[in-house]
Structure formats: C-alpha cells, structure tokens
Amino acid sequence: MKINSTTFLFLNTMTLGVMVSLSSNNWMMIWSGMEISMMSFIPLISTKMILSNESSMKYFIVQSISSSIMMLGVMMMMMNFGLMFKSILVISLIIKTGMFPFQNWVMTIIEGMSYMSLFLLFSLLKIAPITLLSYLNPNLEFFSLINLLAGGILGLNQTSIRKMIAYSSVFNMSFMLASTKSLSVWFTYFVIYSFMLFVIMFSFSKLNINFINQIIINELNMNSSIQLWVNMLSLGGMPPMLGFLSKMLVLQLMMNFNEFILATAMVFLSLMITFFYVRLTYLSMMVYSISMKWFKLTSKLSLNIMIMNLFLMLVFVLTKPLV
C-alpha cells in the first residue's frame, strides 16, 4: 500500500463512512456508511502481490452478500416480522466482522494483502459492526465464548504470520464484544489493541517476514528478536505489558456483571494466544548457543515502543480512579 494522495483520499472516505455509520439514527444511513467504507477499502487492498486482485474481489463479494442480508433484515423489521429481523441483522454483522463461524473468508484474502491493509481490516473497519451489535443487544456472551475457543485453538497450528494475526483478531473480538457493556472500557481496549497491532504489523512489514520459519532462517539479530518478543507478549496480554491492562479492564467488567464462566475462559485461553506468539521469537533467540545474549537498542523508535509497552500500564493504573 503506497502512501500517496490517492491513498489518503480513500483513507479519509473510509473513516468518513465509519463516522456516518456511528452517528446515524436509521438503518439506511448506517448501511450507506458501511458501503462507503467497503468501497474505499477495496482500492487499498490492491498491491503488487499476485493474490491482491483475488483478495479484493473476494472481499467485495462477501461484503456485498452481508450487506444484502442486512438490507433483508431491515425490510423484515419494517414489515413487522417479529424478532426474526434481529437474528438476520446479527448474522450480517458477524459476516462483516469475520467472526466465528464466518472467519474463513478472512483467511482466504489475507495472504494477498499488505500488513497495513490488514491493520485497517482488523481495527478501523470493525468499529461500526461491533457498535451495531451492541445496539441490537443479542446474547454477546455466547459469541464471545465461541470466538475465544476458535481464535485460541485454530491459531495453534498455523505457520503463516498473517493467519496467526487473523486468529488472534478473532480471539480479541471476544474481548471487544464483552466490553461493549461499558463505552470507556471498550474504547480503551480498542485503542490499546490497535496500537499494539500497528506495532506488530509495522515490524513484520519492515523485516519482510511472512512465515514462522523466516524468523529462524533470516537469523535476526538480538535487537530485533527482543523487540518482537516484547511486542508479542504485550499483544498476548502478559503482565506487566500494556496489553495486560486492556484485558484486565475487561475481566474486571465481567466480574462486575457476575459473568465468571466467561472471565475464566478468557484467562485460560489467553495462554494459548501467548503461546503461539512466544514461539515465534523463542527459537530465534535461543537456538544459537554461541550467540551473545545481550542486546543494545540502536533505534529510538524501538526504544520508545518498548518503554510504552513496559511502563504505560503503570500510568494507566494510576490514572484509572480519575476515569
């Protein structure tokens, strides 16, 4: 994804579409905003990669189907079909976000997308559907639980970096759905998750890493390995990293609502996510016994990111009583 005036134009219209969906008070304008976001995102998928055209076509087809289902639900709501329209709308929004059991379309398009396009797909484009799901108020605990299981288990046997991040996104969707009961908790979780996701995507894009074995074959220096390790631990929710704060806030919210089963599942299944993040850098750091096990941070950006991951949690914890 090249950064030029055309890219900025599509980024602005995509953001505008999300804002239209969030600020509208009728389903037609909500549908229109989501269509604007979809049509603005399709050109951003196109890259020099061989599979990019196929990915953009698949994305358009799936989003068109989900939009059609959404319009069917809106028409059923206008014709007073009872509560059936709510189920239709929930299904359309689940398809749009790529949650389980409709996550397969995401896995088929991500190999033809750049890391920055993946970042937009897993962050900005999920704001409107998740918010609309909270408006419909379905049984979000059930969707949270099955996405926890799917993201944690299906991501264990993946060798592609993009697919691992995609299943991690499915896993984190459960935390986002569970945090919709509190706007402040949901916004905090989304901002922290988007920041950590951007750092991971930026690192893999600069290192040109697409599969797990590339981390070992390329023999990354200790500096790069430590940076990846810290960022992945933070995304997995390892204390005292920044990512642990967001999960801690969601767990506290679950305890306040007496949802102990879901909170317990979140704690145990977070270990799976942390496991397949740690194994990415463990071998690259430990496989060579003769390599020196000390490192020096030569980049100010890398140093700042590590400091934010390690110490920003303490700042948020100290300022939490003020929220």
C-alpha atoms as a PDB file:
ATOM      1  CA  MET A   1       0.000   0.000   0.000  1.00  0.00           C
ATOM      2  CA  LYS A   2       1.775   3.116  -1.255  1.00  0.00           C
ATOM      3  CA  ILE A   3       1.372   6.318   0.722  1.00  0.00           C
ATOM      4  CA  ASN A   4       0.215   8.950  -1.765  1.00  0.00           C
ATOM      5  CA  SER A   5      -2.644  11.382  -2.317  1.00  0.00           C
ATOM      6  CA  THR A   6      -4.938   8.628  -3.609  1.00  0.00           C
ATOM      7  CA  THR A   7      -4.304   6.536  -0.502  1.00  0.00           C
ATOM      8  CA  PHE A   8      -5.096   9.484   1.758  1.00  0.00           C
ATOM      9  CA  LEU A   9      -8.307  10.107  -0.194  1.00  0.00           C
ATOM     10  CA  PHE A  10      -9.517   6.538   0.312  1.00  0.00           C
ATOM     11  CA  LEU A  11      -8.430   6.559   3.969  1.00  0.00           C
ATOM     12  CA  ASN A  12     -10.441   9.734   4.564  1.00  0.00           C
ATOM     13  CA  THR A  13     -13.560   8.394   2.839  1.00  0.00           C
ATOM     14  CA  MET A  14     -13.240   5.094   4.710  1.00  0.00           C
ATOM     15  CA  THR A  15     -13.043   6.955   8.022  1.00  0.00           C
ATOM     16  CA  LEU A  16     -15.961   9.115   6.929  1.00  0.00           C
ATOM     17  CA  GLY A  17     -18.028   6.005   6.235  1.00  0.00           C
ATOM     18  CA  VAL A  18     -17.322   4.667   9.724  1.00  0.00           C
ATOM     19  CA  MET A  19     -18.311   8.003  11.277  1.00  0.00           C
ATOM     20  CA  VAL A  20     -21.538   8.090   9.237  1.00  0.00           C
ATOM     21  CA  SER A  21     -22.465   4.609  10.484  1.00  0.00           C
ATOM     22  CA  LEU A  22     -21.769   5.527  14.102  1.00  0.00           C
ATOM     23  CA  SER A  23     -23.616   8.849  14.072  1.00  0.00           C
ATOM     24  CA  SER A  24     -26.722   7.778  12.118  1.00  0.00           C
ATOM     25  CA  ASN A  25     -30.088   7.143  13.710  1.00  0.00           C
ATOM     26  CA  ASN A  26     -31.628   4.989  10.958  1.00  0.00           C
ATOM     27  CA  TRP A  27     -30.563   1.757   9.304  1.00  0.00           C
ATOM     28  CA  MET A  28     -30.419   3.140   5.764  1.00  0.00           C
ATOM     29  CA  MET A  29     -27.736   5.686   6.692  1.00  0.00           C
ATOM     30  CA  ILE A  30     -25.900   3.035   8.723  1.00  0.00           C
ATOM     31  CA  TRP A  31     -25.903   0.764   5.665  1.00  0.00           C
ATOM     32  CA  SER A  32     -24.738   3.637   3.460  1.00  0.00           C
ATOM     33  CA  GLY A  33     -21.808   4.433   5.758  1.00  0.00           C
ATOM     34  CA  MET A  34     -20.669   0.818   5.788  1.00  0.00           C
ATOM     35  CA  GLU A  35     -20.884   0.685   1.984  1.00  0.00           C
ATOM     36  CA  ILE A  36     -18.727   3.818   1.726  1.00  0.00           C
ATOM     37  CA  SER A  37     -16.131   2.189   3.972  1.00  0.00           C
ATOM     38  CA  MET A  38     -16.191  -1.015   1.921  1.00  0.00           C
ATOM     39  CA  MET A  39     -15.780   0.721  -1.439  1.00  0.00           C
ATOM     40  CA  SER A  40     -12.969   2.885  -0.057  1.00  0.00           C
ATOM     41  CA  PHE A  41     -11.094  -0.098   1.359  1.00  0.00           C
ATOM     42  CA  ILE A  42     -11.106  -2.204  -1.831  1.00  0.00           C
ATOM     43  CA  PRO A  43      -8.571   0.028  -3.689  1.00  0.00           C
ATOM     44  CA  LEU A  44      -6.286  -0.104  -0.640  1.00  0.00           C
ATOM     45  CA  ILE A  45      -6.058  -3.895  -0.953  1.00  0.00           C
ATOM     46  CA  SER A  46      -4.531  -3.659  -4.424  1.00  0.00           C
ATOM     47  CA  THR A  47      -0.759  -4.117  -4.264  1.00  0.00           C
ATOM     48  CA  LYS A  48       1.955  -5.698  -6.395  1.00  0.00           C
ATOM     49  CA  MET A  49       1.255  -9.031  -4.742  1.00  0.00           C
ATOM     50  CA  ILE A  50      -0.052 -11.764  -7.039  1.00  0.00           C
ATOM     51  CA  LEU A  51      -3.134 -12.545  -4.958  1.00  0.00           C
ATOM     52  CA  SER A  52      -4.190  -8.931  -4.313  1.00  0.00           C
ATOM     53  CA  ASN A  53      -6.773  -8.795  -7.125  1.00  0.00           C
ATOM     54  CA  GLU A  54      -8.270 -12.091  -5.979  1.00  0.00           C
ATOM     55  CA  SER A  55      -8.402 -10.821  -2.399  1.00  0.00           C
ATOM     56  CA  SER A  56     -10.133  -7.586  -3.368  1.00  0.00           C
ATOM     57  CA  MET A  57     -12.732  -9.493  -5.418  1.00  0.00           C
ATOM     58  CA  LYS A  58     -13.427 -11.962  -2.605  1.00  0.00           C
ATOM     59  CA  TYR A  59     -13.729  -9.105  -0.112  1.00  0.00           C
ATOM     60  CA  PHE A  60     -16.215  -7.302  -2.374  1.00  0.00           C
ATOM     61  CA  ILE A  61     -18.342 -10.434  -2.872  1.00  0.00           C
ATOM     62  CA  VAL A  62     -18.504 -11.314   0.841  1.00  0.00           C
ATOM     63  CA  GLN A  63     -19.271  -7.753   1.908  1.00  0.00           C
ATOM     64  CA  SER A  64     -21.952  -7.468  -0.783  1.00  0.00           C
ATOM     65  CA  ILE A  65     -23.610 -10.655   0.474  1.00  0.00           C
ATOM     66  CA  SER A  66     -23.532  -9.445   4.073  1.00  0.00           C
ATOM     67  CA  SER A  67     -24.928  -6.055   3.013  1.00  0.00           C
ATOM     68  CA  SER A  68     -27.746  -7.812   1.153  1.00  0.00           C
ATOM     69  CA  ILE A  69     -28.560  -9.864   4.249  1.00  0.00           C
ATOM     70  CA  MET A  70     -28.508  -6.667   6.278  1.00  0.00           C
ATOM     71  CA  MET A  71     -30.994  -4.981   3.928  1.00  0.00           C
ATOM     72  CA  LEU A  72     -33.201  -8.091   4.145  1.00  0.00           C
ATOM     73  CA  GLY A  73     -33.211  -7.721   7.922  1.00  0.00           C
ATOM     74  CA  VAL A  74     -34.094  -4.026   7.656  1.00  0.00           C
ATOM     75  CA  MET A  75     -37.024  -4.777   5.315  1.00  0.00           C
ATOM     76  CA  MET A  76     -38.238  -7.521   7.650  1.00  0.00           C
ATOM     77  CA  MET A  77     -38.074  -5.046  10.525  1.00  0.00           C
ATOM     78  CA  MET A  78     -40.177  -2.535   8.559  1.00  0.00           C
ATOM     79  CA  MET A  79     -42.756  -5.243   7.780  1.00  0.00           C
ATOM     80  CA  ASN A  80     -43.026  -6.287  11.460  1.00  0.00           C
ATOM     81  CA  PHE A  81     -41.710  -9.847  11.185  1.00  0.00           C
ATOM     82  CA  GLY A  82     -41.284 -10.103  14.948  1.00  0.00           C
ATOM     83  CA  LEU A  83     -37.837 -10.789  16.365  1.00  0.00           C
ATOM     84  CA  MET A  84     -36.623 -12.666  13.275  1.00  0.00           C
ATOM     85  CA  PHE A  85     -35.163  -9.478  11.781  1.00  0.00           C
ATOM     86  CA  LYS A  86     -32.767  -9.131  14.722  1.00  0.00           C
ATOM     87  CA  SER A  87     -31.235 -12.538  14.000  1.00  0.00           C
ATOM     88  CA  ILE A  88     -30.805 -11.605  10.317  1.00  0.00           C
ATOM     89  CA  LEU A  89     -29.060  -8.354  11.242  1.00  0.00           C
ATOM     90  CA  VAL A  90     -26.778 -10.114  13.736  1.00  0.00           C
ATOM     91  CA  ILE A  91     -25.749 -12.685  11.105  1.00  0.00           C
ATOM     92  CA  SER A  92     -24.933  -9.946   8.579  1.00  0.00           C
ATOM     93  CA  LEU A  93     -22.785  -8.057  11.102  1.00  0.00           C
ATOM     94  CA  ILE A  94     -20.965 -11.243  12.150  1.00  0.00           C
ATOM     95  CA  ILE A  95     -20.145 -11.929   8.488  1.00  0.00           C
ATOM     96  CA  LYS A  96     -18.819  -8.385   8.084  1.00  0.00           C
ATOM     97  CA  THR A  97     -16.501  -8.659  11.080  1.00  0.00           C
ATOM     98  CA  GLY A  98     -15.257 -12.133  10.160  1.00  0.00           C
ATOM     99  CA  MET A  99     -16.131 -13.705  13.481  1.00  0.00           C
ATOM    100  CA  PHE A 100     -16.555 -17.447  14.011  1.00  0.00           C
ATOM    101  CA  PRO A 101     -18.086 -19.369  12.228  1.00  0.00           C
ATOM    102  CA  PHE A 102     -17.725 -16.963   9.263  1.00  0.00           C
ATOM    103  CA  GLN A 103     -13.981 -16.387   9.597  1.00  0.00           C
ATOM    104  CA  ASN A 104     -12.961 -18.459   6.571  1.00  0.00           C
ATOM    105  CA  TRP A 105     -13.411 -15.611   4.100  1.00  0.00           C
ATOM    106  CA  VAL A 106     -10.879 -13.584   6.080  1.00  0.00           C
ATOM    107  CA  MET A 107      -8.329 -16.426   5.917  1.00  0.00           C
ATOM    108  CA  THR A 108      -8.694 -16.636   2.130  1.00  0.00           C
ATOM    109  CA  ILE A 109      -7.976 -12.957   1.442  1.00  0.00           C
ATOM    110  CA  ILE A 110      -5.250 -12.035   3.929  1.00  0.00           C
ATOM    111  CA  GLU A 111      -2.425 -13.737   2.007  1.00  0.00           C
ATOM    112  CA  GLY A 112      -2.932 -11.257  -0.819  1.00  0.00           C
ATOM    113  CA  MET A 113      -2.958  -8.151   1.401  1.00  0.00           C
ATOM    114  CA  SER A 114      -0.200  -5.981   2.763  1.00  0.00           C
ATOM    115  CA  TYR A 115       0.311  -5.657   6.517  1.00  0.00           C
ATOM    116  CA  MET A 116      -1.007  -2.103   6.583  1.00  0.00           C
ATOM    117  CA  SER A 117      -4.203  -3.179   4.796  1.00  0.00           C
ATOM    118  CA  LEU A 118      -4.564  -5.962   7.371  1.00  0.00           C
ATOM    119  CA  PHE A 119      -4.228  -3.394  10.134  1.00  0.00           C
ATOM    120  CA  LEU A 120      -7.143  -1.398   8.707  1.00  0.00           C
ATOM    121  CA  LEU A 121      -9.222  -4.564   8.264  1.00  0.00           C
ATOM    122  CA  PHE A 122      -8.664  -5.700  11.858  1.00  0.00           C
ATOM    123  CA  SER A 123      -9.088  -2.303  13.516  1.00  0.00           C
ATOM    124  CA  LEU A 124     -10.899   0.576  11.809  1.00  0.00           C
ATOM    125  CA  LEU A 125     -13.368  -1.473   9.762  1.00  0.00           C
ATOM    126  CA  LYS A 126     -14.592  -3.369  12.835  1.00  0.00           C
ATOM    127  CA  ILE A 127     -15.696  -0.313  14.801  1.00  0.00           C
ATOM    128  CA  ALA A 128     -19.106   0.090  13.138  1.00  0.00           C
ATOM    129  CA  PRO A 129     -20.193  -3.601  13.140  1.00  0.00           C
ATOM    130  CA  ILE A 130     -19.220  -4.104  16.791  1.00  0.00           C
ATOM    131  CA  THR A 131     -21.060  -0.929  17.808  1.00  0.00           C
ATOM    132  CA  LEU A 132     -24.168  -2.032  15.903  1.00  0.00           C
ATOM    133  CA  LEU A 133     -24.018  -5.454  17.563  1.00  0.00           C
ATOM    134  CA  SER A 134     -24.077  -3.724  20.938  1.00  0.00           C
ATOM    135  CA  TYR A 135     -27.142  -1.714  19.808  1.00  0.00           C
ATOM    136  CA  LEU A 136     -29.002  -4.896  18.855  1.00  0.00           C
ATOM    137  CA  ASN A 137     -28.116  -6.357  22.275  1.00  0.00           C
ATOM    138  CA  PRO A 138     -28.075 -10.064  21.352  1.00  0.00           C
ATOM    139  CA  ASN A 139     -26.510 -12.755  23.534  1.00  0.00           C
ATOM    140  CA  LEU A 140     -22.970 -11.404  23.140  1.00  0.00           C
ATOM    141  CA  GLU A 141     -21.635 -13.728  25.859  1.00  0.00           C
ATOM    142  CA  PHE A 142     -22.222 -16.733  23.593  1.00  0.00           C
ATOM    143  CA  PHE A 143     -20.429 -15.109  20.645  1.00  0.00           C
ATOM    144  CA  SER A 144     -17.586 -14.063  22.945  1.00  0.00           C
ATOM    145  CA  LEU A 145     -17.113 -17.612  24.207  1.00  0.00           C
ATOM    146  CA  ILE A 146     -17.080 -19.315  20.801  1.00  0.00           C
ATOM    147  CA  ASN A 147     -14.669 -16.713  19.411  1.00  0.00           C
ATOM    148  CA  LEU A 148     -12.376 -17.314  22.368  1.00  0.00           C
ATOM    149  CA  LEU A 149     -12.315 -21.027  21.599  1.00  0.00           C
ATOM    150  CA  ALA A 150     -11.966 -20.601  17.834  1.00  0.00           C
ATOM    151  CA  GLY A 151      -9.220 -17.992  17.979  1.00  0.00           C
ATOM    152  CA  GLY A 152      -7.208 -19.833  20.613  1.00  0.00           C
ATOM    153  CA  ILE A 153      -7.433 -23.365  19.187  1.00  0.00           C
ATOM    154  CA  LEU A 154      -7.372 -22.754  15.419  1.00  0.00           C
ATOM    155  CA  GLY A 155      -4.384 -20.446  15.683  1.00  0.00           C
ATOM    156  CA  LEU A 156      -2.122 -23.070  17.258  1.00  0.00           C
ATOM    157  CA  ASN A 157      -1.271 -24.993  14.083  1.00  0.00           C
ATOM    158  CA  GLN A 158      -0.696 -22.005  11.786  1.00  0.00           C
ATOM    159  CA  THR A 159       2.664 -21.274  10.163  1.00  0.00           C
ATOM    160  CA  SER A 160       1.616 -18.098   8.329  1.00  0.00           C
ATOM    161  CA  ILE A 161       2.124 -14.866  10.246  1.00  0.00           C
ATOM    162  CA  ARG A 162      -0.956 -13.314   8.655  1.00  0.00           C
ATOM    163  CA  LYS A 163      -3.200 -16.211   9.646  1.00  0.00           C
ATOM    164  CA  MET A 164      -1.866 -16.173  13.202  1.00  0.00           C
ATOM    165  CA  ILE A 165      -2.660 -12.470  13.481  1.00  0.00           C
ATOM    166  CA  ALA A 166      -6.097 -13.115  11.937  1.00  0.00           C
ATOM    167  CA  TYR A 167      -6.957 -15.791  14.514  1.00  0.00           C
ATOM    168  CA  SER A 168      -5.600 -13.502  17.204  1.00  0.00           C
ATOM    169  CA  SER A 169      -8.023 -10.876  15.906  1.00  0.00           C
ATOM    170  CA  VAL A 170     -10.871 -13.407  16.190  1.00  0.00           C
ATOM    171  CA  PHE A 171      -9.773 -14.016  19.782  1.00  0.00           C
ATOM    172  CA  ASN A 172      -9.623 -10.301  20.602  1.00  0.00           C
ATOM    173  CA  MET A 173     -13.060  -9.803  19.065  1.00  0.00           C
ATOM    174  CA  SER A 174     -14.469 -11.719  22.038  1.00  0.00           C
ATOM    175  CA  PHE A 175     -12.921  -9.182  24.422  1.00  0.00           C
ATOM    176  CA  MET A 176     -14.345  -6.311  22.353  1.00  0.00           C
ATOM    177  CA  LEU A 177     -17.820  -7.849  22.368  1.00  0.00           C
ATOM    178  CA  ALA A 178     -17.639  -8.438  26.108  1.00  0.00           C
ATOM    179  CA  SER A 179     -16.509  -4.850  26.761  1.00  0.00           C
ATOM    180  CA  THR A 180     -19.400  -3.218  24.881  1.00  0.00           C
ATOM    181  CA  LYS A 181     -21.296  -3.018  28.179  1.00  0.00           C
ATOM    182  CA  SER A 182     -19.055  -0.068  29.077  1.00  0.00           C
ATOM    183  CA  LEU A 183     -18.137   2.538  26.461  1.00  0.00           C
ATOM    184  CA  SER A 184     -14.986   3.655  28.302  1.00  0.00           C
ATOM    185  CA  VAL A 185     -13.693   0.077  28.670  1.00  0.00           C
ATOM    186  CA  TRP A 186     -14.444  -0.731  25.029  1.00  0.00           C
ATOM    187  CA  PHE A 187     -12.723   2.425  23.781  1.00  0.00           C
ATOM    188  CA  THR A 188      -9.659   1.817  25.975  1.00  0.00           C
ATOM    189  CA  TYR A 189      -9.377  -1.789  24.804  1.00  0.00           C
ATOM    190  CA  PHE A 190      -9.758  -0.820  21.145  1.00  0.00           C
ATOM    191  CA  VAL A 191      -7.134   1.942  21.305  1.00  0.00           C
ATOM    192  CA  ILE A 192      -4.564  -0.255  23.073  1.00  0.00           C
ATOM    193  CA  TYR A 193      -5.226  -3.209  20.764  1.00  0.00           C
ATOM    194  CA  SER A 194      -4.938  -1.002  17.656  1.00  0.00           C
ATOM    195  CA  PHE A 195      -1.636   0.431  18.896  1.00  0.00           C
ATOM    196  CA  MET A 196      -0.135  -2.996  19.588  1.00  0.00           C
ATOM    197  CA  LEU A 197      -1.444  -4.372  16.281  1.00  0.00           C
ATOM    198  CA  PHE A 198       0.102  -1.472  14.376  1.00  0.00           C
ATOM    199  CA  VAL A 199       3.483  -2.048  16.031  1.00  0.00           C
ATOM    200  CA  ILE A 200       3.422  -5.767  15.147  1.00  0.00           C
ATOM    201  CA  MET A 201       2.321  -5.115  11.560  1.00  0.00           C
ATOM    202  CA  PHE A 202       4.946  -2.403  11.117  1.00  0.00           C
ATOM    203  CA  SER A 203       7.700  -4.674  12.446  1.00  0.00           C
ATOM    204  CA  PHE A 204       6.810  -7.615  10.195  1.00  0.00           C
ATOM    205  CA  SER A 205       6.424  -5.302   7.199  1.00  0.00           C
ATOM    206  CA  LYS A 206       9.875  -3.770   7.670  1.00  0.00           C
ATOM    207  CA  LEU A 207      11.512  -7.167   8.292  1.00  0.00           C
ATOM    208  CA  ASN A 208       9.575  -8.692   5.327  1.00  0.00           C
ATOM    209  CA  ILE A 209       8.526 -11.739   7.375  1.00  0.00           C
ATOM    210  CA  ASN A 210       5.531 -13.788   6.248  1.00  0.00           C
ATOM    211  CA  PHE A 211       6.067 -17.220   7.845  1.00  0.00           C
ATOM    212  CA  ILE A 212       7.391 -18.539  11.145  1.00  0.00           C
ATOM    213  CA  ASN A 213      10.452 -20.260   9.687  1.00  0.00           C
ATOM    214  CA  GLN A 214      11.650 -16.968   8.193  1.00  0.00           C
ATOM    215  CA  ILE A 215      12.366 -15.666  11.677  1.00  0.00           C
ATOM    216  CA  ILE A 216      14.856 -18.509  12.205  1.00  0.00           C
ATOM    217  CA  ILE A 217      16.245 -18.702   8.668  1.00  0.00           C
ATOM    218  CA  ASN A 218      16.900 -14.960   8.447  1.00  0.00           C
ATOM    219  CA  GLU A 219      18.850 -15.084  11.743  1.00  0.00           C
ATOM    220  CA  LEU A 220      17.513 -11.834  13.140  1.00  0.00           C
ATOM    221  CA  ASN A 221      19.855 -10.023  15.471  1.00  0.00           C
ATOM    222  CA  MET A 222      19.135  -9.987  19.170  1.00  0.00           C
ATOM    223  CA  ASN A 223      17.868  -6.421  18.994  1.00  0.00           C
ATOM    224  CA  SER A 224      15.075  -7.268  16.542  1.00  0.00           C
ATOM    225  CA  SER A 225      14.221 -10.500  18.364  1.00  0.00           C
ATOM    226  CA  ILE A 226      13.818  -8.756  21.723  1.00  0.00           C
ATOM    227  CA  GLN A 227      11.639  -6.058  20.180  1.00  0.00           C
ATOM    228  CA  LEU A 228       9.368  -8.630  18.531  1.00  0.00           C
ATOM    229  CA  TRP A 229       9.253 -10.651  21.725  1.00  0.00           C
ATOM    230  CA  VAL A 230       8.181  -7.702  23.890  1.00  0.00           C
ATOM    231  CA  ASN A 231       5.561  -6.556  21.394  1.00  0.00           C
ATOM    232  CA  MET A 232       4.092 -10.052  21.056  1.00  0.00           C
ATOM    233  CA  LEU A 233       3.977 -10.572  24.803  1.00  0.00           C
ATOM    234  CA  SER A 234       2.114  -7.291  25.065  1.00  0.00           C
ATOM    235  CA  LEU A 235      -0.380  -8.336  22.376  1.00  0.00           C
ATOM    236  CA  GLY A 236      -0.843 -11.665  24.136  1.00  0.00           C
ATOM    237  CA  GLY A 237      -1.645  -9.932  27.440  1.00  0.00           C
ATOM    238  CA  MET A 238       1.424 -10.822  29.505  1.00  0.00           C
ATOM    239  CA  PRO A 239       1.832  -8.672  32.642  1.00  0.00           C
ATOM    240  CA  PRO A 240       3.245  -6.082  33.167  1.00  0.00           C
ATOM    241  CA  MET A 241       2.951  -5.179  29.473  1.00  0.00           C
ATOM    242  CA  LEU A 242       0.486  -2.627  28.146  1.00  0.00           C
ATOM    243  CA  GLY A 243      -1.694  -5.346  26.613  1.00  0.00           C
ATOM    244  CA  PHE A 244      -2.389  -6.810  30.047  1.00  0.00           C
ATOM    245  CA  LEU A 245      -4.110  -3.589  31.107  1.00  0.00           C
ATOM    246  CA  SER A 246      -6.821  -3.821  28.446  1.00  0.00           C
ATOM    247  CA  LYS A 247      -7.571  -7.460  29.268  1.00  0.00           C
ATOM    248  CA  MET A 248      -7.561  -6.665  32.988  1.00  0.00           C
ATOM    249  CA  LEU A 249     -10.193  -3.951  32.457  1.00  0.00           C
ATOM    250  CA  VAL A 250     -12.429  -6.365  30.533  1.00  0.00           C
ATOM    251  CA  LEU A 251     -12.012  -9.063  33.190  1.00  0.00           C
ATOM    252  CA  GLN A 252     -12.927  -6.580  35.900  1.00  0.00           C
ATOM    253  CA  LEU A 253     -16.024  -5.611  33.911  1.00  0.00           C
ATOM    254  CA  MET A 254     -17.000  -9.289  33.573  1.00  0.00           C
ATOM    255  CA  MET A 255     -16.627  -9.785  37.316  1.00  0.00           C
ATOM    256  CA  ASN A 256     -18.844  -6.766  37.991  1.00  0.00           C
ATOM    257  CA  PHE A 257     -21.570  -8.353  35.848  1.00  0.00           C
ATOM    258  CA  ASN A 258     -21.094 -11.784  37.533  1.00  0.00           C
ATOM    259  CA  GLU A 259     -20.018 -13.474  34.296  1.00  0.00           C
ATOM    260  CA  PHE A 260     -17.491 -15.752  35.956  1.00  0.00           C
ATOM    261  CA  ILE A 261     -17.521 -18.524  33.338  1.00  0.00           C
ATOM    262  CA  LEU A 262     -16.646 -16.137  30.510  1.00  0.00           C
ATOM    263  CA  ALA A 263     -13.969 -14.443  32.621  1.00  0.00           C
ATOM    264  CA  THR A 264     -12.396 -17.822  33.463  1.00  0.00           C
ATOM    265  CA  ALA A 265     -12.395 -18.817  29.790  1.00  0.00           C
ATOM    266  CA  MET A 266     -10.701 -15.531  28.896  1.00  0.00           C
ATOM    267  CA  VAL A 267      -7.914 -16.156  31.403  1.00  0.00           C
ATOM    268  CA  PHE A 268      -7.143 -19.734  30.346  1.00  0.00           C
ATOM    269  CA  LEU A 269      -7.478 -19.241  26.594  1.00  0.00           C
ATOM    270  CA  SER A 270      -5.248 -16.166  26.709  1.00  0.00           C
ATOM    271  CA  LEU A 271      -2.443 -18.613  27.463  1.00  0.00           C
ATOM    272  CA  MET A 272      -2.912 -20.190  24.017  1.00  0.00           C
ATOM    273  CA  ILE A 273      -2.567 -16.838  22.298  1.00  0.00           C
ATOM    274  CA  THR A 274       0.541 -16.035  24.328  1.00  0.00           C
ATOM    275  CA  PHE A 275       1.983 -19.459  23.467  1.00  0.00           C
ATOM    276  CA  PHE A 276       1.879 -19.101  19.693  1.00  0.00           C
ATOM    277  CA  TYR A 277       3.212 -15.541  19.945  1.00  0.00           C
ATOM    278  CA  VAL A 278       6.136 -16.545  22.141  1.00  0.00           C
ATOM    279  CA  ARG A 279       7.148 -19.457  19.906  1.00  0.00           C
ATOM    280  CA  LEU A 280       7.726 -17.004  17.051  1.00  0.00           C
ATOM    281  CA  THR A 281      10.744 -15.433  18.710  1.00  0.00           C
ATOM    282  CA  TYR A 282      11.800 -18.096  21.203  1.00  0.00           C
ATOM    283  CA  LEU A 283      13.738 -20.194  18.698  1.00  0.00           C
ATOM    284  CA  SER A 284      15.342 -17.189  17.047  1.00  0.00           C
ATOM    285  CA  MET A 285      16.651 -16.068  20.445  1.00  0.00           C
ATOM    286  CA  MET A 286      17.641 -19.412  21.961  1.00  0.00           C
ATOM    287  CA  VAL A 287      18.630 -21.759  19.129  1.00  0.00           C
ATOM    288  CA  TYR A 288      22.183 -20.496  18.778  1.00  0.00           C
ATOM    289  CA  SER A 289      24.159 -21.311  21.904  1.00  0.00           C
ATOM    290  CA  ILE A 290      27.260 -19.405  20.774  1.00  0.00           C
ATOM    291  CA  SER A 291      25.434 -16.131  20.117  1.00  0.00           C
ATOM    292  CA  MET A 292      25.722 -13.388  22.699  1.00  0.00           C
ATOM    293  CA  LYS A 293      22.620 -12.995  24.823  1.00  0.00           C
ATOM    294  CA  TRP A 294      22.914  -9.252  25.376  1.00  0.00           C
ATOM    295  CA  PHE A 295      21.408  -6.606  23.144  1.00  0.00           C
ATOM    296  CA  LYS A 296      21.615  -2.891  22.512  1.00  0.00           C
ATOM    297  CA  LEU A 297      18.711  -0.744  21.368  1.00  0.00           C
ATOM    298  CA  THR A 298      20.043   1.231  18.438  1.00  0.00           C
ATOM    299  CA  SER A 299      16.744   2.713  17.262  1.00  0.00           C
ATOM    300  CA  LYS A 300      14.998   5.449  19.227  1.00  0.00           C
ATOM    301  CA  LEU A 301      11.641   4.325  17.845  1.00  0.00           C
ATOM    302  CA  SER A 302      12.211   0.765  19.076  1.00  0.00           C
ATOM    303  CA  LEU A 303      13.282   2.041  22.474  1.00  0.00           C
ATOM    304  CA  ASN A 304      10.209   4.265  22.778  1.00  0.00           C
ATOM    305  CA  ILE A 305       7.868   1.415  21.815  1.00  0.00           C
ATOM    306  CA  MET A 306       9.423  -0.930  24.376  1.00  0.00           C
ATOM    307  CA  ILE A 307       9.159   1.727  27.091  1.00  0.00           C
ATOM    308  CA  MET A 308       5.488   2.306  26.226  1.00  0.00           C
ATOM    309  CA  ASN A 309       4.763  -1.429  26.363  1.00  0.00           C
ATOM    310  CA  LEU A 310       6.536  -1.901  29.673  1.00  0.00           C
ATOM    311  CA  PHE A 311       5.606   1.212  31.632  1.00  0.00           C
ATOM    312  CA  LEU A 312       2.405   2.714  30.224  1.00  0.00           C
ATOM    313  CA  MET A 313       0.356   0.142  32.111  1.00  0.00           C
ATOM    314  CA  LEU A 314       1.524   1.639  35.410  1.00  0.00           C
ATOM    315  CA  VAL A 315       0.491   5.091  34.205  1.00  0.00           C
ATOM    316  CA  PHE A 316      -2.992   3.884  33.214  1.00  0.00           C
ATOM    317  CA  VAL A 317      -3.440   2.030  36.507  1.00  0.00           C
ATOM    318  CA  LEU A 318      -2.539   5.151  38.476  1.00  0.00           C
ATOM    319  CA  THR A 319      -4.931   7.328  36.412  1.00  0.00           C
ATOM    320  CA  LYS A 320      -7.791   4.790  36.374  1.00  0.00           C
ATOM    321  CA  PRO A 321      -9.506   6.252  39.506  1.00  0.00           C
ATOM    322  CA  LEU A 322      -9.779   9.525  37.586  1.00  0.00           C
ATOM    323  CA  VAL A 323     -11.824   7.941  34.765  1.00  0.00           C
END
